[in-house]
Protein backbone atom coordinates (compact mmCIF):
# COMPACT_ATOMS: atom_id res chain seq x y z
CA THR A 1 -65.82 80.18 42.31
CA TYR A 2 -62.35 78.78 41.78
CA ASP A 3 -61.53 76.58 38.80
CA PHE A 4 -57.81 76.01 39.55
CA ASP A 5 -56.80 78.29 36.70
CA ARG A 6 -54.96 80.96 38.72
CA PHE A 7 -52.87 81.44 41.83
CA LEU A 8 -54.77 82.57 44.92
CA ARG A 9 -53.46 85.18 47.32
CA TYR A 10 -53.48 84.12 50.97
CA ASP A 11 -56.78 85.69 52.09
CA GLU A 12 -58.68 84.31 49.11
CA MET A 13 -57.17 80.86 49.62
CA ALA A 14 -58.08 80.83 53.32
CA ALA A 15 -61.62 82.01 52.60
CA TRP A 16 -62.05 79.35 49.90
CA LEU A 17 -60.88 76.60 52.25
CA ARG A 18 -63.11 77.69 55.11
CA ALA A 19 -66.14 78.05 52.85
CA LEU A 20 -65.64 74.52 51.52
CA ALA A 21 -65.28 73.20 55.07
CA ALA A 22 -68.48 74.96 56.13
CA GLN A 23 -70.34 73.24 53.29
CA HIS A 24 -69.01 69.77 54.21
CA PRO A 25 -68.46 69.67 57.98
CA THR A 26 -68.44 65.86 58.22
CA LEU A 27 -65.71 65.58 55.58
CA LEU A 28 -63.45 68.59 55.92
CA THR A 29 -62.06 70.71 58.73
CA VAL A 30 -59.54 73.54 58.46
CA GLU A 31 -57.35 74.59 61.36
CA SER A 32 -54.18 76.53 62.08
CA TYR A 33 -51.13 74.53 63.07
CA GLY A 34 -48.96 77.59 63.73
CA GLN A 35 -48.08 81.04 62.46
CA SER A 36 -45.62 82.29 59.88
CA HIS A 37 -42.83 84.79 60.49
CA MET A 38 -45.27 87.61 59.69
CA GLY A 39 -48.09 86.14 61.76
CA ARG A 40 -50.23 84.47 59.10
CA ASP A 41 -52.02 81.29 60.14
CA LEU A 42 -50.51 78.11 58.72
CA LEU A 43 -53.54 76.13 57.60
CA VAL A 44 -54.02 72.39 57.33
CA ALA A 45 -57.10 70.70 55.91
CA THR A 46 -58.19 67.37 57.38
CA ILE A 47 -60.30 65.25 55.03
CA THR A 48 -61.98 62.01 56.07
CA ASP A 49 -65.45 60.52 56.50
CA THR A 50 -65.94 61.17 60.20
CA ARG A 51 -69.00 58.90 60.24
CA THR A 52 -66.62 55.93 60.01
CA GLY A 53 -64.12 57.19 62.58
CA GLU A 54 -62.23 60.25 63.69
CA HIS A 55 -59.27 61.34 61.60
CA HIS A 56 -56.64 60.15 64.06
CA THR A 57 -58.00 56.59 64.09
CA LYS A 58 -57.19 55.96 60.42
CA PRO A 59 -53.93 55.65 58.46
CA ALA A 60 -53.16 59.05 56.96
CA HIS A 61 -51.33 60.73 54.09
CA TRP A 62 -49.71 64.15 54.58
CA ILE A 63 -49.30 66.62 51.70
CA ASP A 64 -47.77 70.08 51.92
CA ALA A 65 -47.00 72.73 49.31
CA ASN A 66 -45.45 76.13 48.71
CA ILE A 67 -42.49 75.85 51.05
CA HIS A 68 -40.63 77.67 48.24
CA ALA A 69 -42.12 81.04 47.48
CA VAL A 70 -42.32 81.00 43.69
CA GLU A 71 -43.36 77.34 43.28
CA VAL A 72 -47.06 78.09 43.41
CA THR A 73 -48.27 75.36 41.06
CA GLY A 74 -47.82 72.99 43.99
CA GLY A 75 -50.30 75.01 46.02
CA VAL A 76 -52.87 74.75 43.23
CA ALA A 77 -52.36 70.98 43.24
CA ALA A 78 -52.94 70.81 47.00
CA LEU A 79 -56.18 72.79 46.73
CA TYR A 80 -57.29 70.66 43.78
CA ILE A 81 -56.81 67.45 45.74
CA ILE A 82 -58.85 68.82 48.65
CA HIS A 83 -61.65 69.77 46.27
CA HIS A 84 -61.41 66.46 44.40
CA LEU A 85 -61.72 64.39 47.57
CA VAL A 86 -64.71 66.32 48.85
CA THR A 87 -66.68 66.63 45.61
CA LYS A 88 -66.02 63.09 44.42
CA PHE A 89 -67.10 61.73 47.80
CA VAL A 90 -70.34 63.70 47.61
CA ALA A 91 -70.88 62.43 44.06
CA GLY A 92 -70.49 58.83 45.25
CA ASP A 93 -67.23 58.01 43.48
CA ALA A 94 -66.48 54.51 44.77
CA THR A 95 -62.71 54.95 44.99
CA VAL A 96 -62.89 58.22 46.91
CA VAL A 97 -65.70 56.99 49.17
CA GLU A 98 -63.60 53.99 50.14
CA ALA A 99 -60.49 56.15 50.61
CA LEU A 100 -62.23 58.53 53.01
CA ARG A 101 -64.04 55.70 54.77
CA THR A 102 -60.74 54.06 55.66
CA ARG A 103 -58.10 56.81 55.40
CA THR A 104 -57.35 60.41 56.36
CA PHE A 105 -55.68 63.13 54.30
CA TYR A 106 -53.88 66.06 55.91
CA ILE A 107 -53.12 68.79 53.36
CA ALA A 108 -51.22 72.00 54.15
CA PRO A 109 -51.49 74.03 50.93
CA ARG A 110 -49.22 76.95 51.88
CA VAL A 111 -46.30 76.24 54.20
CA ASN A 112 -44.71 79.61 53.43
CA PRO A 113 -47.51 82.17 53.05
CA ASP A 114 -45.27 85.22 53.50
CA GLY A 115 -42.95 84.40 50.63
CA VAL A 116 -45.84 83.44 48.35
CA GLU A 117 -47.57 86.77 49.02
CA ASP A 118 -44.48 88.60 47.79
CA ALA A 119 -44.31 86.36 44.71
CA LEU A 120 -47.97 87.03 43.86
CA ALA A 121 -47.89 90.76 44.62
CA ASP A 122 -48.85 93.28 41.95
CA ARG A 123 -45.16 94.19 41.83
CA PRO A 124 -43.63 90.87 42.81
CA LEU A 125 -40.50 90.05 44.77
CA PHE A 126 -39.07 86.58 44.39
CA HIS A 127 -37.53 84.91 47.43
CA ARG A 128 -36.33 81.35 47.83
CA SER A 129 -38.57 80.86 50.87
CA SER A 130 -39.27 83.00 53.92
CA VAL A 131 -39.16 86.79 53.97
CA ARG A 132 -37.18 86.83 57.24
CA PRO A 133 -33.79 88.50 56.85
CA TRP A 134 -31.02 85.91 57.10
CA PRO A 135 -28.17 85.53 57.77
CA TRP A 136 -27.98 89.28 58.43
CA ARG A 137 -30.84 90.03 60.79
CA ASP A 138 -31.02 93.73 59.95
CA GLY A 139 -32.05 92.90 56.38
CA HIS A 140 -29.43 95.18 54.86
CA ARG A 141 -28.97 94.89 51.13
CA TRP A 142 -25.51 94.10 49.84
CA PRO A 143 -24.19 96.24 46.97
CA GLY A 144 -25.27 94.89 43.62
CA LEU A 145 -28.30 94.02 41.54
CA HIS A 146 -31.53 93.24 43.40
CA PRO A 147 -34.26 91.79 41.16
CA GLN A 148 -37.57 93.62 41.10
CA ASP A 149 -40.27 94.81 38.72
CA ILE A 150 -38.99 98.23 37.70
CA ASP A 151 -41.35 98.99 34.82
CA GLY A 152 -44.55 98.16 36.71
CA ASP A 153 -45.88 95.43 34.40
CA GLY A 154 -46.19 92.87 37.21
CA ARG A 155 -43.32 90.71 35.98
CA ILE A 156 -39.61 90.36 36.63
CA LEU A 157 -38.01 89.79 33.24
CA THR A 158 -34.50 90.26 31.80
CA MET A 159 -32.61 93.44 30.96
CA ARG A 160 -30.22 93.44 28.04
CA ILE A 161 -27.55 96.02 27.29
CA ALA A 162 -25.72 96.21 23.96
CA ASP A 163 -22.04 95.43 24.51
CA PRO A 164 -19.48 94.51 21.82
CA ASP A 165 -17.94 92.07 24.30
CA GLY A 166 -21.25 90.76 25.65
CA ALA A 167 -21.65 87.04 26.25
CA TRP A 168 -25.13 86.79 24.69
CA MET A 169 -26.74 87.25 21.30
CA PRO A 170 -30.27 86.81 19.92
CA HIS A 171 -31.20 83.39 18.57
CA PRO A 172 -31.02 83.68 14.77
CA GLU A 173 -34.58 82.34 14.46
CA GLU A 174 -36.21 84.14 17.41
CA PRO A 175 -34.96 87.45 18.88
CA ARG A 176 -36.80 86.96 22.18
CA VAL A 177 -34.54 83.98 22.92
CA MET A 178 -30.98 84.87 23.91
CA ILE A 179 -28.21 82.32 23.44
CA PRO A 180 -24.55 82.24 24.51
CA VAL A 181 -21.92 83.61 22.16
CA GLY A 182 -19.71 80.70 21.17
CA PRO A 183 -15.92 80.55 21.47
CA LEU A 184 -15.53 81.72 17.85
CA GLY A 185 -17.61 84.82 18.52
CA ALA A 186 -20.88 86.05 17.06
CA PRO A 187 -21.65 86.05 13.34
CA ALA A 188 -20.77 89.26 11.52
CA GLY A 189 -23.34 91.98 12.03
CA THR A 190 -24.81 90.38 15.17
CA THR A 191 -25.35 92.65 18.16
CA ARG A 192 -23.97 91.22 21.39
CA TYR A 193 -25.46 91.91 24.81
CA ARG A 194 -24.95 91.67 28.51
CA LEU A 195 -27.94 90.18 30.34
CA LEU A 196 -29.11 91.14 33.82
CA THR A 197 -32.21 90.27 35.77
CA GLU A 198 -34.67 93.17 35.81
CA GLY A 199 -33.97 95.22 38.92
CA LEU A 200 -32.09 98.05 40.62
CA ILE A 201 -28.50 98.23 41.80
CA GLU A 202 -27.76 98.94 45.44
CA ASN A 203 -24.86 101.40 45.98
CA TYR A 204 -24.05 101.54 42.28
CA ASP A 205 -20.62 103.01 41.60
CA GLY A 206 -21.21 103.41 37.89
CA PHE A 207 -19.15 100.37 37.01
CA THR A 208 -19.49 97.29 39.24
CA ILE A 209 -22.68 95.18 39.15
CA ASP A 210 -22.38 92.41 41.70
CA GLN A 211 -24.96 89.62 42.07
CA PRO A 212 -25.62 89.47 45.83
CA ARG A 213 -27.91 87.02 47.55
CA ASP A 214 -31.41 88.04 48.54
CA PRO A 215 -31.39 89.58 52.05
CA ALA A 216 -34.09 86.98 52.80
CA GLY A 217 -31.62 84.16 52.31
CA LEU A 218 -33.41 81.27 54.01
CA ASP A 219 -34.36 78.03 52.33
CA LEU A 220 -37.07 76.50 54.51
CA ASN A 221 -36.55 73.14 52.83
CA ARG A 222 -33.07 73.03 54.36
CA ASN A 223 -34.30 73.75 57.91
CA PHE A 224 -35.66 70.30 58.80
CA PRO A 225 -33.71 68.23 61.36
CA ALA A 226 -32.60 65.41 59.06
CA GLY A 227 -29.13 66.06 57.70
CA TRP A 228 -29.19 69.70 58.77
CA GLY A 229 -25.84 71.50 58.54
CA VAL A 230 -24.39 74.98 58.76
CA ASP A 231 -22.69 74.42 55.41
CA VAL A 232 -26.01 73.91 53.62
CA LEU A 233 -27.07 77.09 51.82
CA GLY A 234 -30.05 78.77 53.50
CA SER A 235 -30.31 76.24 56.34
CA GLY A 236 -31.07 78.78 59.08
CA ASP A 237 -29.71 79.30 62.58
CA HIS A 238 -30.37 75.73 63.70
CA PRO A 239 -32.76 72.88 62.84
CA MET A 240 -36.37 74.10 62.98
CA SER A 241 -35.25 77.67 63.71
CA GLU A 242 -38.02 78.97 61.45
CA PRO A 243 -41.62 79.06 62.72
CA GLU A 244 -42.96 77.56 59.50
CA ILE A 245 -40.82 74.44 59.88
CA HIS A 246 -41.05 74.18 63.66
CA SER A 247 -44.84 74.26 63.34
CA LEU A 248 -44.93 71.76 60.49
CA VAL A 249 -42.72 69.25 62.30
CA ARG A 250 -44.85 69.51 65.42
CA ALA A 251 -48.04 69.13 63.37
CA VAL A 252 -46.85 65.96 61.66
CA LYS A 253 -45.45 64.53 64.89
CA ALA A 254 -48.79 65.19 66.58
CA ARG A 255 -50.42 62.93 63.97
CA PRO A 256 -48.68 59.56 64.44
CA ASN A 257 -51.17 57.98 62.05
CA VAL A 258 -49.32 59.62 59.12
CA CYS A 259 -47.95 56.83 56.92
CA GLY A 260 -47.06 58.78 53.77
CA TYR A 261 -45.56 62.22 53.14
CA ASN A 262 -45.58 64.18 49.88
CA ALA A 263 -44.13 67.68 49.41
CA PHE A 264 -45.26 69.68 46.36
CA HIS A 265 -42.70 71.83 44.51
CA THR A 266 -41.78 72.99 41.00
CA ALA A 267 -40.33 72.46 38.48
CA GLY A 268 -39.05 69.54 36.43
CA GLY A 269 -41.99 67.24 35.85
CA PHE A 270 -40.73 64.40 38.01
CA MET A 271 -41.06 62.89 41.46
CA LEU A 272 -38.13 62.63 43.84
CA ARG A 273 -37.64 59.94 46.44
CA PRO A 274 -35.11 59.38 49.21
CA SER A 275 -32.39 59.53 49.75
CA SER A 276 -30.72 62.90 49.36
CA ASN A 277 -27.55 61.72 51.06
CA LEU A 278 -27.30 57.95 50.51
CA PRO A 279 -26.96 55.77 47.42
CA ASP A 280 -29.65 53.20 46.74
CA SER A 281 -27.25 50.48 47.85
CA LYS A 282 -27.50 51.86 51.39
CA LEU A 283 -31.30 51.91 51.53
CA PRO A 284 -33.23 48.97 52.98
CA PRO A 285 -34.05 46.78 49.96
CA GLU A 286 -37.67 46.47 51.08
CA ASP A 287 -38.04 50.26 51.01
CA LEU A 288 -36.38 50.53 47.63
CA PHE A 289 -38.80 47.91 46.31
CA ILE A 290 -41.77 49.98 47.53
CA PHE A 291 -40.39 53.20 46.05
CA LYS A 292 -39.93 51.54 42.67
CA LYS A 293 -43.39 49.97 42.77
CA PHE A 294 -44.86 53.39 43.53
CA GLY A 295 -43.11 54.81 40.49
CA GLU A 296 -44.46 52.03 38.30
CA HIS A 297 -47.96 53.14 39.32
CA SER A 298 -47.55 56.92 39.42
CA THR A 299 -45.59 57.50 36.22
CA PRO A 300 -48.30 56.17 33.86
CA LEU A 301 -50.85 58.40 35.63
CA THR A 302 -48.82 61.60 35.49
CA THR A 303 -46.02 61.06 32.92
CA TYR A 304 -43.64 62.03 35.75
CA PRO A 305 -40.60 59.76 36.11
CA VAL A 306 -39.30 59.02 39.61
CA HIS A 307 -35.71 59.87 40.53
CA SER A 308 -33.49 59.34 43.54
CA VAL A 309 -32.15 62.71 44.71
CA PHE A 310 -28.72 61.26 45.47
CA GLU A 311 -28.38 58.98 42.47
CA ASP A 312 -29.87 61.19 39.78
CA LEU A 313 -29.68 64.84 40.87
CA THR A 314 -26.54 65.11 42.99
CA TRP A 315 -23.52 65.94 40.85
CA ASP A 316 -20.95 66.11 43.63
CA LYS A 317 -21.60 63.10 45.86
CA SER A 318 -19.37 64.61 48.54
CA ARG A 319 -21.74 67.59 48.94
CA VAL A 320 -25.17 66.21 49.65
CA MET A 321 -28.37 68.13 50.34
CA GLY A 322 -29.43 68.26 53.99
CA GLY A 323 -32.41 69.52 55.94
CA ALA A 324 -35.15 68.59 53.45
CA GLY A 325 -38.68 67.66 54.45
CA ASP A 326 -38.91 64.37 52.58
CA ASP A 327 -35.66 63.12 54.11
CA TRP A 328 -36.90 64.14 57.56
CA ALA A 329 -40.13 62.18 57.11
CA TYR A 330 -38.29 59.11 55.86
CA ASP A 331 -35.21 59.19 58.11
CA HIS A 332 -36.78 60.37 61.36
CA LEU A 333 -40.36 59.10 61.15
CA GLY A 334 -39.93 55.99 59.03
CA VAL A 335 -42.58 57.29 56.62
CA TYR A 336 -42.46 56.71 52.87
CA SER A 337 -41.95 60.14 51.35
CA TRP A 338 -41.78 61.85 47.98
CA THR A 339 -41.30 65.30 46.54
CA THR A 340 -43.32 66.15 43.45
CA GLU A 341 -41.73 68.68 41.10
CA PHE A 342 -44.65 69.91 39.02
CA TRP A 343 -44.40 71.20 35.46
CA ASP A 344 -41.87 70.54 32.74
CA ALA A 345 -41.97 73.20 30.02
CA ILE A 346 -39.46 71.27 27.92
CA TYR A 347 -41.64 68.15 27.97
CA ARG A 348 -44.68 70.15 26.93
CA ALA A 349 -42.79 71.73 24.05
CA THR A 350 -40.78 68.76 22.79
CA GLY A 351 -42.31 65.57 24.19
CA GLU A 352 -39.00 64.77 25.87
CA HIS A 353 -38.51 64.98 29.63
CA SER A 354 -36.14 67.60 30.97
CA PRO A 355 -32.71 66.19 31.75
CA THR A 356 -32.02 66.17 35.46
CA ASP A 357 -29.12 68.59 34.98
CA VAL A 358 -31.41 71.36 33.67
CA TRP A 359 -31.61 72.71 37.24
CA TYR A 360 -27.88 73.39 37.12
CA VAL A 361 -27.05 74.28 33.53
CA GLY A 362 -30.36 75.59 32.19
CA PRO A 363 -32.00 74.72 28.88
CA THR A 364 -30.13 74.38 25.62
CA PRO A 365 -30.79 76.98 22.90
CA ALA A 366 -32.90 74.41 21.05
CA GLN A 367 -34.99 73.72 24.16
CA ASP A 368 -35.42 77.43 24.86
CA LEU A 369 -36.55 78.04 21.29
CA ALA A 370 -38.98 75.13 21.43
CA VAL A 371 -40.57 76.41 24.64
CA CYS A 372 -40.87 79.90 23.14
CA ARG A 373 -42.64 78.60 20.04
CA TRP A 374 -44.87 76.29 22.05
CA SER A 375 -45.83 79.07 24.47
CA ASP A 376 -46.82 81.38 21.61
CA LYS A 377 -49.54 78.86 20.78
CA HIS A 378 -50.56 77.71 24.24
CA ALA A 379 -49.61 80.56 26.62
CA PRO A 380 -49.26 83.76 24.58
CA GLY A 381 -47.22 86.48 26.24
CA SER A 382 -44.90 84.11 28.08
CA TYR A 383 -41.97 85.31 25.98
CA VAL A 384 -41.91 89.10 25.83
CA GLY A 385 -40.52 91.14 22.96
CA TRP A 386 -37.66 93.46 23.87
CA ARG A 387 -38.70 97.04 24.54
CA ALA A 388 -36.66 100.10 25.39
CA PHE A 389 -36.59 101.32 28.99
CA ASP A 390 -34.78 104.24 30.59
CA HIS A 391 -33.16 102.61 33.61
CA PRO A 392 -32.52 105.13 36.42
CA GLN A 393 -28.96 103.86 36.88
CA LEU A 394 -27.93 102.16 33.64
CA GLY A 395 -29.59 104.48 31.15
CA LYS A 396 -30.96 102.92 28.00
CA VAL A 397 -31.68 99.21 28.36
CA GLU A 398 -34.20 96.78 26.89
CA ILE A 399 -36.53 94.61 28.96
CA GLY A 400 -38.04 91.36 27.72
CA GLY A 401 -37.39 87.65 27.28
CA PRO A 402 -39.12 84.75 29.02
CA ASP A 403 -41.48 85.35 31.92
CA MET A 404 -39.75 82.68 33.98
CA PHE A 405 -42.34 82.63 36.76
CA HIS A 406 -45.25 81.91 34.43
CA ILE A 407 -43.73 79.54 31.87
CA TRP A 408 -40.61 77.85 33.29
CA THR A 409 -41.20 77.76 37.05
CA ASN A 410 -44.97 77.29 36.95
CA ALA A 411 -47.57 75.99 34.56
CA PRO A 412 -49.41 78.73 32.66
CA SER A 413 -52.90 79.43 33.97
CA SER A 414 -54.63 77.79 31.01
CA LEU A 415 -52.92 74.48 31.83
CA LEU A 416 -52.86 74.53 35.62
CA ARG A 417 -55.85 72.27 36.18
CA ALA A 418 -54.72 69.72 33.61
CA GLU A 419 -51.21 69.69 35.06
CA VAL A 420 -52.27 68.91 38.62
CA ALA A 421 -55.41 66.79 38.16
CA ALA A 422 -53.79 63.36 37.81
CA HIS A 423 -51.96 63.83 41.09
CA ALA A 424 -55.21 63.40 42.98
CA ASP A 425 -55.22 59.79 41.81
CA VAL A 426 -51.61 59.42 42.94
CA ALA A 427 -52.49 60.75 46.40
CA ILE A 428 -55.41 58.36 46.73
CA TYR A 429 -53.26 55.43 45.63
């Protein structure tokens, strides 16, 4: 059984979906809409009451998740919504029965199965999206630090190295939290450190530690046709150059009954709406009215505020984000679209929503400390005490700090179900 309290590897997820479909053949079908770079089937679940009409005869809502490899809470949410629709229909829930009588849901829970498999591996590798080498097709690794789990504990943490000129020092109230050394220096007697992501250094010369990009440098959520550009980081060779996006675009286009589009990501604890490249003053006022009305309904259900990508998250208005799925659905298909950014560790710890600039500047020392203390109570082990490790290239280092994947990027397993559950009501609305 699956209680939405952990992240499923691909084979287990596919088996769970197909087993649920076999139990409820008049409500749920599962099919492949394409294949990933490594040949895994890209699965989409179709949920509707077929006794009242075939799926394509009803207005539909499309949901997809896990286009970004490490943002696996979104995939749990997609699976939860599938399960919620099926089980609530069987139980006779009036709202769900009416929804499936008159509507169809298409849910693709893992747009990027290859990248997610690496993220969930016993010794994980974290990519932005696909595992395909790009822009260098031979996959060669540039000199410098490449993050990986070097001590075999299944996590990629932080390495710290004592350095009298280091830019970091322990928080005075909690040594697992590292904070920047201020312009006046560290207090007397405080050890300063350099911080590096846990990993190994390619072509180490004994001195230089560059920070190269991942050889798998694609961002699949920059590969959609809308606003695509060569100057957008990770955008690929051309629009829809990647099989995952080419297949998704064709799948949605083949379902002209789709009226709503929702992409599931992490993190931030908010919902994003169009546009990524236009101010609200340039949007049709009728559309802006609908987007705001949707927020008035969804925020009380989820606590998630709704933001415009351009207005609220774009610092430099001359450098807009292109090639995103929600913009493609809105700009090219005329479909109302949203991106849900699940999980806000700061909100859980402090009761205050993360500022929209946290993506760019990171948490403050006070926020980091609050999350550490909160996680000790609700997700023990999320902040790891520093322990000595004999690095094969750097010698004596310490490894520890926050387990970013399990506390900042994703909801901890004990809270996964609670985090995603309310979004089933949003989808039905």
